[in-house]
Amino acid sequence: MVVKMLMAIIIAFLTTAILSSVFIKLMLRLQYGQQIREIGPERHQVKAGTPTMGGIIFILTALLISLLLGGFSPLMFAVILVTLGCGLIGFFDDYGKISHGRSLGLKARSKLALEIVLTALLVILLQSFSLYSTEVLLPFLNYTIDIGFLYPFFIFLIISAASNSVNLTDGVDGLAAGTSVIALVAFMIIAFQSGLTEIVLFCAALAGSCLGFLIYNYHPARLFMGDVGSLALGGALAVVAVLSKAELFLIIIGGVFVLESLSVIIQVISFQLTGRRIFLMSPLHHHFEMKGWSEKKVTTSFLGAALLFAVIGVIAYNY
């Protein structure tokens, strides 16, 4: 398994690096560029027009290499369903932004409805292949609880929260891709310990693909992943956590994503109740930018935090 795992990382890295270069030229020719929100940091306005939707490359590359090295199985079916499903939601979102020339794509209720459908399909698939278990392992306690009929709602919460949290994190060059690589490696270790070969290879391939993408996405970015990439990455982490029966460990391993989402929630609640903002700007990475941090400093600091969260998550799983 180790040899295939290394092959998945290397092949995915090289393939994504090569194809991304071609993709940038294509997107420039088509004039499909990123739309920047006017309410964001002012220095981000220079990024307007940068080729986007690069997630198409690293997601499809990772899935294809996973299939070639690991073969098709119920586990891979589940991975493909959720990853591609979330990716398609992101694609429709990106296309709406590009075609209408604005920074807003799909409406929130449309995303929610599609995520509900995706969750229902995953539950049906897991039940069909006897992969469905309503037991949830509690971190650090080595104890499981059975949440019974609530489990489908739990899966929906994981998919929706993970996909949208990674999407929120994708606001600084290299941040979402870098933190996702760290989280994927952590789940790769967990899947390896559980003997889930398909999940190991998928995590390895997706991590390798993200590294190849980072060549063009690290500051100053020449290619953005778009919602097609960030939503798919979140969906991938969610389904990997579900299939590994490490659902709650995603909260620890994806600690940076959690903090990014919490910063938005706290900001909104505080402003609605008191008219005051807790952060200079949300999500959290923008707060530090407004304090004068460079994008490189924000990304480097958040990657350090992501690594710490990932180590704690793996330790908690083995506790």
Protein backbone atom coordinates (compact mmCIF):
# COMPACT_ATOMS: atom_id res chain seq x y z
CA MET A 1 0.00 0.00 0.00
CA VAL A 2 2.87 2.38 0.82
CA VAL A 3 4.28 2.16 -2.72
CA LYS A 4 0.88 2.90 -4.28
CA MET A 5 0.38 5.74 -1.83
CA LEU A 6 3.66 7.37 -2.87
CA MET A 7 2.81 6.77 -6.53
CA ALA A 8 -0.55 8.48 -6.04
CA ILE A 9 1.09 11.55 -4.49
CA ILE A 10 3.83 11.89 -7.11
CA ILE A 11 1.69 11.19 -10.19
CA ALA A 12 -1.08 13.49 -8.98
CA PHE A 13 1.42 16.25 -8.22
CA LEU A 14 3.07 16.10 -11.63
CA THR A 15 -0.20 15.74 -13.55
CA THR A 16 -1.84 18.68 -11.80
CA ALA A 17 1.26 20.86 -12.17
CA ILE A 18 1.36 20.24 -15.93
CA LEU A 19 -2.38 20.52 -16.59
CA SER A 20 -2.77 23.65 -14.45
CA SER A 21 -0.31 25.50 -16.67
CA VAL A 22 -2.38 24.60 -19.72
CA PHE A 23 -5.60 25.46 -17.87
CA ILE A 24 -4.35 28.97 -17.02
CA LYS A 25 -3.70 29.71 -20.70
CA LEU A 26 -7.16 28.40 -21.63
CA MET A 27 -8.94 30.48 -18.98
CA LEU A 28 -7.04 33.61 -20.01
CA ARG A 29 -8.06 33.03 -23.61
CA LEU A 30 -11.69 32.59 -22.58
CA GLN A 31 -11.40 35.57 -20.21
CA TYR A 32 -12.82 33.57 -17.32
CA GLY A 33 -11.41 35.44 -14.34
CA GLN A 34 -12.11 35.77 -10.64
CA GLN A 35 -14.70 38.29 -9.47
CA ILE A 36 -13.55 40.07 -6.30
CA ARG A 37 -15.99 41.27 -3.64
CA GLU A 38 -15.93 45.05 -3.17
CA ILE A 39 -16.31 44.65 0.60
CA GLY A 40 -13.12 42.58 0.86
CA PRO A 41 -9.62 43.94 1.61
CA GLU A 42 -8.80 46.71 -0.87
CA ARG A 43 -5.49 45.15 -1.89
CA HIS A 44 -7.37 42.09 -3.17
CA GLN A 45 -8.88 44.13 -6.00
CA VAL A 46 -5.70 43.63 -8.06
CA LYS A 47 -6.59 39.93 -8.21
CA ALA A 48 -9.66 40.58 -10.35
CA GLY A 49 -9.42 38.69 -13.62
CA THR A 50 -7.03 36.02 -12.32
CA PRO A 51 -7.97 32.64 -13.87
CA THR A 52 -10.26 30.66 -11.60
CA MET A 53 -11.97 27.23 -11.36
CA GLY A 54 -8.58 25.50 -11.09
CA GLY A 55 -10.26 23.03 -8.75
CA ILE A 56 -11.54 21.23 -11.83
CA ILE A 57 -7.99 20.10 -12.55
CA PHE A 58 -6.90 18.84 -9.15
CA ILE A 59 -10.23 17.22 -8.25
CA LEU A 60 -10.59 15.23 -11.49
CA THR A 61 -6.90 14.31 -11.43
CA ALA A 62 -7.15 12.97 -7.88
CA LEU A 63 -10.29 10.95 -8.58
CA LEU A 64 -8.89 9.45 -11.78
CA ILE A 65 -5.59 8.43 -10.19
CA SER A 66 -7.42 6.97 -7.19
CA LEU A 67 -9.51 4.82 -9.51
CA LEU A 68 -6.50 3.71 -11.57
CA LEU A 69 -4.45 2.69 -8.54
CA GLY A 70 -7.20 1.48 -6.19
CA GLY A 71 -9.92 0.29 -8.53
CA PHE A 72 -13.65 0.84 -8.24
CA SER A 73 -15.38 -0.14 -5.00
CA PRO A 74 -18.33 0.97 -2.85
CA LEU A 75 -15.98 3.18 -0.85
CA MET A 76 -14.68 4.88 -4.00
CA PHE A 77 -18.25 5.23 -5.24
CA ALA A 78 -19.10 7.14 -2.06
CA VAL A 79 -15.98 9.31 -2.37
CA ILE A 80 -16.73 10.15 -6.01
CA LEU A 81 -20.40 10.88 -5.25
CA VAL A 82 -19.75 13.45 -2.53
CA THR A 83 -16.57 15.00 -3.95
CA LEU A 84 -18.00 15.44 -7.44
CA GLY A 85 -21.40 16.42 -6.05
CA CYS A 86 -19.94 19.26 -3.98
CA GLY A 87 -17.68 20.14 -6.89
CA LEU A 88 -20.68 20.48 -9.21
CA ILE A 89 -22.42 22.77 -6.71
CA GLY A 90 -19.26 24.88 -6.72
CA PHE A 91 -19.10 24.78 -10.53
CA PHE A 92 -22.63 26.16 -10.87
CA ASP A 93 -21.70 28.82 -8.33
CA ASP A 94 -18.53 29.78 -10.23
CA TYR A 95 -20.28 29.78 -13.59
CA GLY A 96 -22.99 32.08 -12.24
CA LYS A 97 -20.36 34.52 -11.00
CA ILE A 98 -18.42 34.50 -14.28
CA SER A 99 -21.43 34.64 -16.59
CA HIS A 100 -23.07 37.48 -14.65
CA GLY A 101 -19.83 39.31 -13.90
CA ARG A 102 -20.44 39.53 -10.15
CA SER A 103 -19.03 37.96 -6.98
CA LEU A 104 -22.27 36.19 -5.99
CA GLY A 105 -23.28 32.86 -7.53
CA LEU A 106 -25.85 30.31 -6.36
CA LYS A 107 -28.29 31.40 -3.70
CA ALA A 108 -27.82 29.89 -0.24
CA ARG A 109 -31.12 28.00 -0.36
CA SER A 110 -30.15 26.40 -3.70
CA LYS A 111 -26.86 25.16 -2.22
CA LEU A 112 -28.70 23.87 0.84
CA ALA A 113 -31.21 21.94 -1.28
CA LEU A 114 -28.46 20.35 -3.37
CA GLU A 115 -26.53 19.38 -0.22
CA ILE A 116 -29.65 17.70 1.18
CA VAL A 117 -30.06 15.67 -2.03
CA LEU A 118 -26.37 14.73 -1.92
CA THR A 119 -26.67 13.58 1.69
CA ALA A 120 -29.72 11.46 0.89
CA LEU A 121 -27.87 9.77 -1.98
CA LEU A 122 -24.88 9.04 0.26
CA VAL A 123 -27.08 7.52 2.98
CA ILE A 124 -28.82 5.29 0.42
CA LEU A 125 -25.46 4.22 -0.99
CA LEU A 126 -24.02 3.38 2.44
CA GLN A 127 -27.11 1.37 3.35
CA SER A 128 -27.07 -0.48 0.01
CA PHE A 129 -23.49 -1.70 0.54
CA SER A 130 -23.85 -2.36 4.29
CA LEU A 131 -21.47 0.50 5.11
CA TYR A 132 -24.02 2.39 7.20
CA SER A 133 -23.34 2.69 10.91
CA THR A 134 -25.01 5.15 13.27
CA GLU A 135 -22.28 4.83 15.90
CA VAL A 136 -19.99 7.82 16.39
CA LEU A 137 -16.58 7.65 18.08
CA LEU A 138 -15.91 10.36 20.67
CA PRO A 139 -12.41 11.91 20.51
CA PHE A 140 -10.03 11.12 23.41
CA LEU A 141 -12.64 8.97 25.18
CA ASN A 142 -12.35 5.80 23.07
CA TYR A 143 -16.11 5.51 23.45
CA THR A 144 -18.87 5.34 20.86
CA ILE A 145 -22.44 6.56 21.01
CA ASP A 146 -25.29 5.45 18.78
CA ILE A 147 -27.27 8.44 17.50
CA GLY A 148 -29.71 6.25 15.55
CA PHE A 149 -32.16 8.09 13.28
CA LEU A 150 -30.24 11.34 13.75
CA TYR A 151 -27.22 10.05 11.81
CA PRO A 152 -28.42 11.20 8.33
CA PHE A 153 -28.85 14.72 9.75
CA PHE A 154 -25.38 14.39 11.25
CA ILE A 155 -23.93 13.49 7.85
CA PHE A 156 -25.68 16.46 6.26
CA LEU A 157 -24.21 18.75 8.92
CA ILE A 158 -20.72 17.38 8.27
CA ILE A 159 -20.94 17.77 4.49
CA SER A 160 -22.50 21.23 4.62
CA ALA A 161 -20.20 22.55 7.35
CA ALA A 162 -17.01 21.13 5.85
CA SER A 163 -17.67 22.28 2.29
CA ASN A 164 -18.71 25.79 3.33
CA SER A 165 -15.88 26.11 5.86
CA VAL A 166 -13.20 25.29 3.28
CA ASN A 167 -14.95 27.72 0.94
CA LEU A 168 -14.68 30.47 3.57
CA THR A 169 -11.00 29.65 4.09
CA ASP A 170 -10.31 30.17 0.39
CA GLY A 171 -9.67 33.89 0.66
CA VAL A 172 -5.87 34.15 0.79
CA ASP A 173 -3.41 32.73 -1.74
CA GLY A 174 -2.50 29.14 -0.91
CA LEU A 175 -4.50 28.98 2.32
CA ALA A 176 -7.35 26.59 1.47
CA ALA A 177 -5.15 24.27 -0.62
CA GLY A 178 -2.36 24.21 1.98
CA THR A 179 -4.59 23.54 4.98
CA SER A 180 -6.47 20.89 2.99
CA VAL A 181 -3.22 19.05 2.23
CA ILE A 182 -2.43 18.86 5.94
CA ALA A 183 -5.94 17.64 6.81
CA LEU A 184 -5.84 15.05 4.00
CA VAL A 185 -2.52 13.66 5.22
CA ALA A 186 -3.99 13.30 8.72
CA PHE A 187 -6.98 11.35 7.38
CA MET A 188 -4.65 9.34 5.16
CA ILE A 189 -2.88 8.18 8.34
CA ILE A 190 -6.18 7.35 10.03
CA ALA A 191 -7.41 5.43 6.97
CA PHE A 192 -4.08 3.58 6.76
CA GLN A 193 -4.43 2.48 10.37
CA SER A 194 -7.98 1.28 9.62
CA GLY A 195 -6.91 -0.65 6.51
CA LEU A 196 -9.06 1.44 4.17
CA THR A 197 -6.89 1.22 1.06
CA GLU A 198 -9.20 3.18 -1.22
CA ILE A 199 -9.42 6.08 1.24
CA VAL A 200 -5.64 6.09 1.72
CA LEU A 201 -5.05 6.32 -2.03
CA PHE A 202 -7.70 8.99 -2.48
CA CYS A 203 -6.27 11.16 0.30
CA ALA A 204 -2.78 10.68 -1.12
CA ALA A 205 -3.85 11.56 -4.66
CA LEU A 206 -5.84 14.61 -3.58
CA ALA A 207 -3.02 15.84 -1.35
CA GLY A 208 -0.57 15.42 -4.25
CA SER A 209 -2.93 17.24 -6.60
CA CYS A 210 -3.31 20.14 -4.18
CA LEU A 211 0.48 20.40 -3.90
CA GLY A 212 0.72 20.57 -7.69
CA PHE A 213 -1.96 23.25 -7.71
CA LEU A 214 -0.10 25.24 -5.03
CA ILE A 215 2.70 25.91 -7.50
CA TYR A 216 0.31 28.34 -9.18
CA ASN A 217 -1.87 29.25 -6.19
CA TYR A 218 0.76 30.33 -3.67
CA HIS A 219 1.24 34.10 -3.39
CA PRO A 220 1.07 35.80 -5.80
CA ALA A 221 -1.55 33.41 -7.17
CA ARG A 222 -1.77 32.85 -10.90
CA LEU A 223 -4.72 30.49 -10.56
CA PHE A 224 -7.59 30.26 -8.08
CA MET A 225 -9.42 27.03 -7.26
CA GLY A 226 -12.86 28.66 -7.30
CA ASP A 227 -15.87 27.29 -5.46
CA VAL A 228 -15.64 24.16 -7.61
CA GLY A 229 -12.37 23.43 -5.82
CA SER A 230 -13.10 24.62 -2.28
CA LEU A 231 -16.54 23.00 -2.00
CA ALA A 232 -15.18 19.76 -3.46
CA LEU A 233 -12.26 19.77 -1.00
CA GLY A 234 -14.66 20.25 1.90
CA GLY A 235 -16.91 17.50 0.59
CA ALA A 236 -13.91 15.20 0.17
CA LEU A 237 -12.80 15.74 3.77
CA ALA A 238 -16.36 15.19 4.98
CA VAL A 239 -16.88 11.90 3.15
CA VAL A 240 -13.43 10.62 4.15
CA ALA A 241 -14.28 11.37 7.80
CA VAL A 242 -17.62 9.57 7.48
CA LEU A 243 -16.18 6.50 5.75
CA SER A 244 -13.31 6.30 8.24
CA LYS A 245 -15.82 6.57 11.12
CA ALA A 246 -13.81 9.53 12.38
CA GLU A 247 -16.57 12.10 11.90
CA LEU A 248 -15.94 14.16 15.04
CA PHE A 249 -12.20 14.12 14.48
CA LEU A 250 -12.78 16.38 11.47
CA ILE A 251 -13.57 19.15 13.95
CA ILE A 252 -10.07 18.79 15.42
CA ILE A 253 -8.11 18.04 12.25
CA GLY A 254 -9.94 20.80 10.40
CA GLY A 255 -9.51 23.24 13.27
CA VAL A 256 -8.54 26.12 10.99
CA PHE A 257 -11.71 25.63 8.94
CA VAL A 258 -13.75 25.61 12.16
CA LEU A 259 -12.18 28.86 13.37
CA GLU A 260 -12.81 30.52 10.00
CA SER A 261 -16.51 29.59 10.15
CA LEU A 262 -16.86 30.56 13.81
CA SER A 263 -15.39 33.98 13.09
CA VAL A 264 -18.14 34.61 10.52
CA ILE A 265 -20.89 33.33 12.83
CA ILE A 266 -19.63 35.41 15.78
CA GLN A 267 -19.29 38.49 13.59
CA VAL A 268 -22.85 38.23 12.27
CA ILE A 269 -24.41 37.53 15.68
CA SER A 270 -22.47 40.34 17.36
CA PHE A 271 -23.40 42.87 14.68
CA GLN A 272 -27.08 41.93 14.70
CA LEU A 273 -27.37 42.01 18.49
CA THR A 274 -25.11 44.94 19.37
CA GLY A 275 -24.27 46.69 16.11
CA ARG A 276 -20.60 46.06 16.83
CA ARG A 277 -18.07 43.86 15.06
CA ILE A 278 -15.74 41.58 17.01
CA PHE A 279 -13.28 41.23 14.13
CA LEU A 280 -11.97 43.92 11.80
CA MET A 281 -13.28 41.73 8.98
CA SER A 282 -14.38 38.12 8.69
CA PRO A 283 -13.51 35.36 7.90
CA LEU A 284 -10.62 35.26 10.35
CA HIS A 285 -7.81 35.50 7.78
CA HIS A 286 -9.14 38.89 6.66
CA HIS A 287 -9.01 40.13 10.25
CA PHE A 288 -5.25 39.58 10.31
CA GLU A 289 -4.89 41.15 6.87
CA MET A 290 -6.66 44.25 8.14
CA LYS A 291 -4.19 44.32 11.05
CA GLY A 292 -1.42 44.66 8.48
CA TRP A 293 -0.30 41.06 8.04
CA SER A 294 0.89 40.13 4.55
CA GLU A 295 -0.82 37.26 2.73
CA LYS A 296 2.32 35.15 3.10
CA LYS A 297 2.38 35.71 6.86
CA VAL A 298 -1.31 34.83 7.19
CA THR A 299 -0.91 31.67 5.11
CA THR A 300 2.25 30.54 6.90
CA SER A 301 0.76 31.14 10.35
CA PHE A 302 -2.49 29.36 9.51
CA LEU A 303 -0.61 26.42 8.01
CA GLY A 304 1.32 26.11 11.26
CA ALA A 305 -1.95 26.06 13.18
CA ALA A 306 -3.41 23.50 10.75
CA LEU A 307 -0.42 21.21 11.30
CA LEU A 308 -0.85 21.45 15.06
CA PHE A 309 -4.57 20.65 14.81
CA ALA A 310 -3.83 17.68 12.52
CA VAL A 311 -1.28 16.21 14.94
CA ILE A 312 -3.70 16.59 17.84
CA GLY A 313 -6.45 14.95 15.77
CA VAL A 314 -4.34 11.92 14.90
CA ILE A 315 -3.21 11.56 18.50
CA ALA A 316 -6.83 11.79 19.68
CA TYR A 317 -7.80 9.03 17.22
CA ASN A 318 -5.11 6.76 18.67
CA TYR A 319 -5.72 7.71 22.27
